Amino acid sequence: MNAMPKLIEEAIIDAFGDRCPETVEGCPCCDAWGEYDRLVSARQGAFDEIIEWHRKNARICREIAKDDPRIGDADRKRAGQAAVQHDASAVGIARLAGRR
């Protein structure tokens, strides 16, 4: 887990305490933890979309890099390099998101 969610967890604990054993409607502590859970979920969803975008573009660039009869050498080379960069971005963002 990266530092930001940990800092938010610590701030919620300082302000409201640990999670309640059961979620109680109207409980400020439960409300704070519920909002935190929604934010973490939204954050993970955003990472998933960005990772998939890079993977999709890497696949497209690899296809272009292989399209010998229609695409010139220089463009195929650039497409191959772009595929490597998109793959590296997907891996880096996945690590940032706490995945492998």
Protein backbone atom coordinates (compact mmCIF):
# COMPACT_ATOMS: atom_id res chain seq x y z
CA MET A 1 0.00 0.00 0.00
CA ASN A 2 1.39 3.40 -0.78
CA ALA A 3 1.71 6.15 1.82
CA MET A 4 -1.43 8.18 1.03
CA PRO A 5 -4.08 5.61 2.04
CA LYS A 6 -2.04 4.82 5.15
CA LEU A 7 -1.99 8.51 6.11
CA ILE A 8 -5.75 8.76 5.59
CA GLU A 9 -6.32 5.65 7.71
CA GLU A 10 -4.20 7.14 10.49
CA ALA A 11 -6.12 10.43 10.31
CA ILE A 12 -9.47 8.62 10.57
CA ILE A 13 -8.22 6.60 13.54
CA ASP A 14 -6.96 9.78 15.23
CA ALA A 15 -10.25 11.60 14.64
CA PHE A 16 -12.83 8.80 15.03
CA GLY A 17 -11.08 5.65 16.24
CA ASP A 18 -10.82 2.16 14.78
CA ARG A 19 -13.61 0.71 12.69
CA CYS A 20 -16.71 -0.28 14.60
CA PRO A 21 -17.31 -4.06 14.80
CA GLU A 22 -20.57 -3.52 12.86
CA THR A 23 -21.53 -0.65 10.60
CA VAL A 24 -24.14 1.55 12.25
CA GLU A 25 -26.10 4.09 10.21
CA GLY A 26 -25.49 7.64 11.43
CA CYS A 27 -22.31 6.72 13.34
CA PRO A 28 -19.65 9.34 12.48
CA CYS A 29 -16.91 6.72 12.75
CA CYS A 30 -18.75 4.32 10.41
CA ASP A 31 -19.49 7.19 8.02
CA ALA A 32 -15.82 8.19 7.89
CA TRP A 33 -14.68 4.61 7.26
CA GLY A 34 -17.42 4.13 4.66
CA GLU A 35 -16.27 7.22 2.77
CA TYR A 36 -12.68 5.99 2.96
CA ASP A 37 -13.74 2.62 1.50
CA ARG A 38 -15.54 4.38 -1.37
CA LEU A 39 -12.47 6.51 -2.13
CA VAL A 40 -10.13 3.50 -2.11
CA SER A 41 -12.50 1.60 -4.40
CA ALA A 42 -12.74 4.53 -6.83
CA ARG A 43 -8.96 4.90 -6.81
CA GLN A 44 -8.47 1.23 -7.67
CA GLY A 45 -11.03 1.50 -10.47
CA ALA A 46 -9.16 4.45 -11.94
CA PHE A 47 -5.87 2.53 -11.83
CA ASP A 48 -7.56 -0.44 -13.55
CA GLU A 49 -8.80 1.79 -16.39
CA ILE A 50 -5.39 3.40 -16.91
CA ILE A 51 -3.56 0.06 -16.84
CA GLU A 52 -5.99 -1.45 -19.35
CA TRP A 53 -5.65 1.61 -21.62
CA HIS A 54 -1.86 1.15 -21.75
CA ARG A 55 -2.17 -2.60 -22.35
CA LYS A 56 -4.67 -2.01 -25.17
CA ASN A 57 -2.42 0.56 -26.83
CA ALA A 58 0.59 -1.73 -26.48
CA ARG A 59 -1.35 -4.45 -28.33
CA ILE A 60 -2.33 -2.00 -31.08
CA CYS A 61 1.26 -0.77 -31.44
CA ARG A 62 2.56 -4.35 -31.68
CA GLU A 63 0.04 -5.03 -34.47
CA ILE A 64 1.21 -1.93 -36.33
CA ALA A 65 4.86 -2.94 -35.82
CA LYS A 66 4.13 -6.26 -37.57
CA ASP A 67 2.20 -4.76 -40.50
CA ASP A 68 5.06 -4.99 -42.99
CA PRO A 69 3.36 -4.56 -46.33
CA ARG A 70 1.29 -1.49 -45.42
CA ILE A 71 3.47 0.34 -42.86
CA GLY A 72 6.96 1.68 -43.60
CA ASP A 73 10.06 0.62 -41.68
CA ALA A 74 10.42 3.84 -39.68
CA ASP A 75 6.79 3.81 -38.57
CA ARG A 76 6.93 0.12 -37.65
CA LYS A 77 10.03 0.79 -35.56
CA ARG A 78 8.31 3.70 -33.77
CA ALA A 79 5.23 1.54 -33.16
CA GLY A 80 7.42 -1.19 -31.64
CA GLN A 81 9.06 1.36 -29.34
CA ALA A 82 5.66 2.75 -28.37
CA ALA A 83 4.49 -0.79 -27.51
CA VAL A 84 7.44 -1.19 -25.14
CA GLN A 85 6.67 2.17 -23.53
CA HIS A 86 2.98 1.32 -23.09
CA ASP A 87 3.89 -2.05 -21.55
CA ALA A 88 6.34 -0.36 -19.17
CA SER A 89 3.73 2.22 -18.20
CA ALA A 90 1.17 -0.49 -17.44
CA VAL A 91 3.68 -2.32 -15.22
CA GLY A 92 4.74 0.88 -13.44
CA ILE A 93 1.17 1.97 -12.76
CA ALA A 94 0.27 -1.52 -11.54
CA ARG A 95 3.15 -1.35 -9.07
CA LEU A 96 2.07 2.12 -7.99
CA ALA A 97 -1.40 0.69 -7.37
CA GLY A 98 0.10 -2.05 -5.20
CA ARG A 99 -0.22 -4.86 -7.73
CA ARG A 100 2.30 -6.98 -9.54
